[in-house]
Amino acid sequence: MIYFIQTSSISISKSDCKLFNIIIFYDLTTKDLTVDYNETTLSNKNEHALLYSKKKFTSWDECEIFLNEWAKRQGFRIIKDRVTRDDGIIRRRTYICSHSRVYESNSTKDTSTKKIGCPFLVNVSCPKSKNDENSVFINKINYQHNHPLSTSSIIFEESKKFTPSMIDDIKFMTTSCKFGVTAQRKFLEGKYPSHPIYSKDLYATIQSFRPTSNTGQKVKNQASISHQSATNQVADW
């Protein structure tokens, strides 16, 4: 049985549905949520802000920028998951919520994790045939989440991120000056008095620039951290 519903996971109001001729379907058996748009009724202004199946982008970069900004407005973060390439060209990619996947720990202690198996996903493709412009299209969307969405949390995370110039300073103080966390924090608080400095974030960034760091990962821009799984498995398209 299929019903029309409203859900807090989608920023579409009842008036929006009437204006855009949007029909939301919810299958009670599979718990799949799909949205059908009559695109002829979408104005250019509103169309650019909405996420829907068959939405078209000129490139993967444009698509990812849109998805990241759209997710932030909803109150969560999107990360990259599975990918399929053909001769080095990305043909399919799945984007998931940062709370997706499941964390498996061998520790007997209670541990907290962001990985709680959130089912949200977006399947995107760049078809090889009948696509001379190499356009990128949104295919399947599962709007469901198994956790609360919070725009205030996203705003807080954005506000405390180090700027590129701050990261350059941290890299220099770590690799050239060999400064520790305390010295670097005092320097950053003096140079950037209006920017909050959190020890945990600072320590993680310092570790990323140390040759003996267990992460082995250099942070070029903390504002864009990628969580991409190295697999060529194809999702349910």
Protein backbone atom coordinates (compact mmCIF):
# COMPACT_ATOMS: atom_id res chain seq x y z
CA MET A 1 0.00 0.00 0.00
CA ILE A 2 1.27 3.50 -0.86
CA TYR A 3 0.53 6.69 1.04
CA PHE A 4 1.30 10.36 0.64
CA ILE A 5 3.34 11.49 3.64
CA GLN A 6 5.35 14.34 5.05
CA THR A 7 8.73 13.75 6.66
CA SER A 8 11.15 15.97 8.59
CA SER A 9 14.00 14.44 6.59
CA ILE A 10 12.88 16.39 3.51
CA SER A 11 12.58 20.14 3.46
CA ILE A 12 9.34 20.11 1.47
CA SER A 13 6.19 21.59 2.96
CA LYS A 14 2.61 20.76 2.04
CA SER A 15 2.38 24.06 0.17
CA ASP A 16 5.53 23.14 -1.76
CA CYS A 17 3.89 19.89 -2.82
CA LYS A 18 0.90 21.80 -4.23
CA LEU A 19 3.10 24.40 -5.90
CA PHE A 20 5.50 21.93 -7.48
CA ASN A 21 3.08 19.02 -8.05
CA ILE A 22 5.25 16.83 -5.83
CA ILE A 23 4.02 13.38 -4.88
CA ILE A 24 5.76 11.54 -2.05
CA PHE A 25 5.42 7.76 -2.04
CA TYR A 26 6.18 5.53 0.92
CA ASP A 27 6.16 1.76 0.48
CA LEU A 28 5.21 0.21 3.83
CA THR A 29 6.72 -3.12 2.82
CA THR A 30 10.17 -2.05 1.69
CA LYS A 31 10.14 1.28 3.57
CA ASP A 32 11.45 2.99 0.43
CA LEU A 33 10.74 6.70 0.13
CA THR A 34 10.58 8.25 -3.32
CA VAL A 35 9.61 11.69 -4.59
CA ASP A 36 8.02 12.31 -7.96
CA TYR A 37 8.28 15.81 -9.39
CA ASN A 38 6.39 17.38 -12.25
CA GLU A 39 9.42 19.33 -13.44
CA THR A 40 7.41 21.58 -15.74
CA THR A 41 6.02 23.36 -12.69
CA LEU A 42 9.39 23.99 -11.08
CA SER A 43 10.68 27.54 -11.26
CA ASN A 44 14.40 27.98 -11.86
CA LYS A 45 14.87 29.46 -8.39
CA ASN A 46 13.24 26.57 -6.54
CA GLU A 47 14.55 23.85 -8.85
CA HIS A 48 18.16 24.68 -7.98
CA ALA A 49 17.51 24.18 -4.26
CA LEU A 50 15.74 20.81 -4.46
CA LEU A 51 17.11 17.29 -4.63
CA TYR A 52 15.14 14.91 -6.84
CA SER A 53 15.59 11.96 -9.18
CA LYS A 54 16.80 12.84 -12.72
CA LYS A 55 18.25 16.15 -11.55
CA LYS A 56 21.05 17.06 -13.99
CA PHE A 57 24.52 18.50 -13.39
CA THR A 58 27.27 19.52 -15.79
CA SER A 59 30.02 17.75 -13.83
CA TRP A 60 30.77 15.59 -10.78
CA ASP A 61 32.23 18.62 -8.99
CA GLU A 62 29.02 20.60 -9.48
CA CYS A 63 26.99 17.63 -8.24
CA GLU A 64 29.11 17.16 -5.11
CA ILE A 65 29.02 20.85 -4.24
CA PHE A 66 25.22 20.81 -4.51
CA LEU A 67 24.84 17.62 -2.44
CA ASN A 68 27.14 18.89 0.31
CA GLU A 69 25.31 22.22 0.60
CA TRP A 70 21.88 20.59 0.37
CA ALA A 71 22.75 18.12 3.14
CA LYS A 72 23.99 20.90 5.43
CA ARG A 73 20.67 22.72 5.01
CA GLN A 74 18.87 19.54 6.09
CA GLY A 75 21.12 19.11 9.13
CA PHE A 76 23.55 16.33 8.22
CA ARG A 77 26.69 15.64 6.21
CA ILE A 78 27.11 13.62 3.03
CA ILE A 79 30.19 11.50 2.32
CA LYS A 80 31.33 9.46 -0.68
CA ASP A 81 30.85 5.72 -0.75
CA ARG A 82 30.95 3.23 -3.61
CA VAL A 83 32.24 4.17 -7.05
CA THR A 84 32.39 2.59 -10.51
CA ARG A 85 34.93 3.76 -13.11
CA ASP A 86 35.29 3.07 -16.82
CA ASP A 87 38.70 3.84 -18.34
CA GLY A 88 39.40 6.16 -15.42
CA ILE A 89 36.11 8.02 -15.82
CA ILE A 90 33.64 7.92 -12.94
CA ARG A 91 30.37 6.45 -14.19
CA ARG A 92 28.55 5.74 -10.93
CA ARG A 93 28.93 6.88 -7.36
CA THR A 94 26.93 6.50 -4.17
CA TYR A 95 26.76 9.25 -1.57
CA ILE A 96 25.73 8.36 1.98
CA CYS A 97 25.13 10.05 5.32
CA SER A 98 28.14 10.45 7.61
CA HIS A 99 26.23 8.23 10.05
CA SER A 100 26.02 5.39 7.54
CA ARG A 101 28.00 2.14 7.76
CA VAL A 102 28.41 0.18 10.96
CA TYR A 103 31.42 0.39 13.29
CA GLU A 104 32.81 -2.91 14.47
CA SER A 105 35.02 -2.75 17.55
CA ASN A 106 37.07 -5.51 19.12
CA SER A 107 37.25 -3.55 22.36
CA THR A 108 35.30 -4.68 25.41
CA LYS A 109 34.85 -1.06 26.47
CA ASP A 110 31.83 1.03 25.58
CA THR A 111 32.69 3.18 22.59
CA SER A 112 30.76 5.93 20.83
CA THR A 113 30.71 6.16 17.04
CA LYS A 114 29.03 8.13 14.27
CA LYS A 115 28.63 4.95 12.21
CA ILE A 116 25.14 3.75 13.11
CA GLY A 117 23.95 2.32 9.79
CA CYS A 118 21.93 5.31 8.57
CA PRO A 119 20.09 4.20 5.38
CA PHE A 120 20.22 7.57 3.58
CA LEU A 121 21.83 7.38 0.15
CA VAL A 122 21.93 9.06 -3.25
CA ASN A 123 22.95 7.13 -6.36
CA VAL A 124 24.42 9.30 -9.12
CA SER A 125 25.55 8.33 -12.62
CA CYS A 126 27.28 9.69 -15.70
CA PRO A 127 25.90 7.46 -18.50
CA LYS A 128 28.28 6.41 -21.23
CA SER A 129 25.66 6.23 -23.97
CA LYS A 130 23.46 9.07 -25.22
CA ASN A 131 25.37 11.52 -23.05
CA ASP A 132 27.72 13.48 -25.30
CA GLU A 133 28.12 16.24 -22.72
CA ASN A 134 29.07 13.78 -19.94
CA SER A 135 26.27 15.14 -17.79
CA VAL A 136 25.75 13.75 -14.30
CA PHE A 137 22.30 12.63 -13.14
CA ILE A 138 20.68 11.84 -9.79
CA ASN A 139 19.21 8.34 -9.89
CA LYS A 140 17.89 6.70 -6.73
CA ILE A 141 17.38 8.63 -3.47
CA ASN A 142 16.59 7.19 -0.05
CA TYR A 143 15.68 10.15 2.15
CA GLN A 144 15.38 8.13 5.37
CA HIS A 145 17.62 8.69 8.42
CA ASN A 146 17.78 6.75 11.68
CA HIS A 147 18.95 9.74 13.74
CA PRO A 148 17.85 13.33 14.41
CA LEU A 149 18.89 16.01 11.92
CA SER A 150 20.41 19.17 13.36
CA THR A 151 21.28 22.30 11.42
CA SER A 152 22.64 23.87 14.63
CA SER A 153 25.24 21.07 14.88
CA ILE A 154 26.30 21.69 11.29
CA ILE A 155 26.61 25.44 11.94
CA PHE A 156 28.73 24.74 15.03
CA GLU A 157 31.02 22.37 13.14
CA GLU A 158 31.44 24.91 10.35
CA SER A 159 32.24 27.71 12.80
CA LYS A 160 35.09 25.83 14.46
CA LYS A 161 36.81 24.55 11.33
CA PHE A 162 40.29 25.87 10.72
CA THR A 163 40.62 28.20 7.75
CA PRO A 164 43.21 27.44 5.03
CA SER A 165 45.55 30.11 6.45
CA MET A 166 45.26 28.60 9.94
CA ILE A 167 46.08 25.16 8.55
CA ASP A 168 49.13 26.62 6.79
CA ASP A 169 50.26 28.10 10.13
CA ILE A 170 49.74 24.78 11.92
CA LYS A 171 51.70 22.94 9.23
CA PHE A 172 54.61 25.39 9.48
CA MET A 173 54.68 25.31 13.29
CA THR A 174 54.54 21.50 13.25
CA THR A 175 57.04 20.68 10.51
CA SER A 176 59.48 23.62 10.74
CA CYS A 177 59.23 24.88 14.31
CA LYS A 178 58.38 21.56 16.02
CA PHE A 179 55.90 23.36 18.29
CA GLY A 180 53.56 21.32 20.49
CA VAL A 181 49.84 21.75 21.05
CA THR A 182 50.12 24.34 23.86
CA ALA A 183 52.48 26.65 21.98
CA GLN A 184 50.46 26.42 18.80
CA ARG A 185 47.21 27.10 20.58
CA LYS A 186 48.61 30.27 22.20
CA PHE A 187 49.89 31.47 18.81
CA LEU A 188 46.59 30.77 17.03
CA GLU A 189 44.51 32.41 19.78
CA GLY A 190 46.65 35.52 19.48
CA LYS A 191 46.57 35.66 15.68
CA TYR A 192 42.91 34.62 15.29
CA PRO A 193 41.15 35.96 18.42
CA SER A 194 37.64 35.66 16.99
CA HIS A 195 38.03 32.03 15.93
CA PRO A 196 37.34 29.27 18.50
CA ILE A 197 40.25 26.87 19.03
CA TYR A 198 39.45 23.39 20.34
CA SER A 199 42.32 21.25 21.58
CA LYS A 200 40.95 18.05 20.06
CA ASP A 201 40.72 19.59 16.59
CA LEU A 202 44.14 21.20 16.91
CA TYR A 203 45.77 17.98 18.07
CA ALA A 204 44.24 16.00 15.16
CA THR A 205 45.49 18.55 12.64
CA ILE A 206 48.99 18.61 14.15
CA GLN A 207 49.14 14.81 14.03
CA SER A 208 48.27 14.86 10.34
CA PHE A 209 51.48 16.78 9.59
CA ARG A 210 53.80 14.68 11.69
CA PRO A 211 55.86 12.07 9.76
CA THR A 212 55.20 9.48 12.44
CA SER A 213 51.45 10.16 12.46
CA ASN A 214 49.38 7.01 12.48
CA THR A 215 46.90 8.59 10.15
CA GLY A 216 49.45 9.19 7.39
CA GLN A 217 47.06 11.81 6.09
CA LYS A 218 47.84 15.43 5.28
CA VAL A 219 45.08 17.93 5.85
CA LYS A 220 45.03 20.42 3.00
CA ASN A 221 41.63 21.80 3.85
CA GLN A 222 39.81 20.72 6.96
CA ALA A 223 36.59 22.03 5.46
CA SER A 224 36.48 19.11 3.00
CA ILE A 225 37.28 15.73 4.55
CA SER A 226 36.60 12.76 2.30
CA HIS A 227 35.38 9.41 3.58
CA GLN A 228 35.58 7.38 0.36
CA SER A 229 35.64 3.60 0.42
CA ALA A 230 38.03 1.99 -2.06
CA THR A 231 35.60 -0.41 -3.65
CA ASN A 232 34.09 -0.88 -7.07
CA GLN A 233 30.94 -2.57 -5.85
CA VAL A 234 27.77 -1.34 -7.51
CA ALA A 235 24.93 -0.16 -5.27
CA ASP A 236 21.27 -0.91 -5.80
CA TRP A 237 20.53 1.39 -8.71
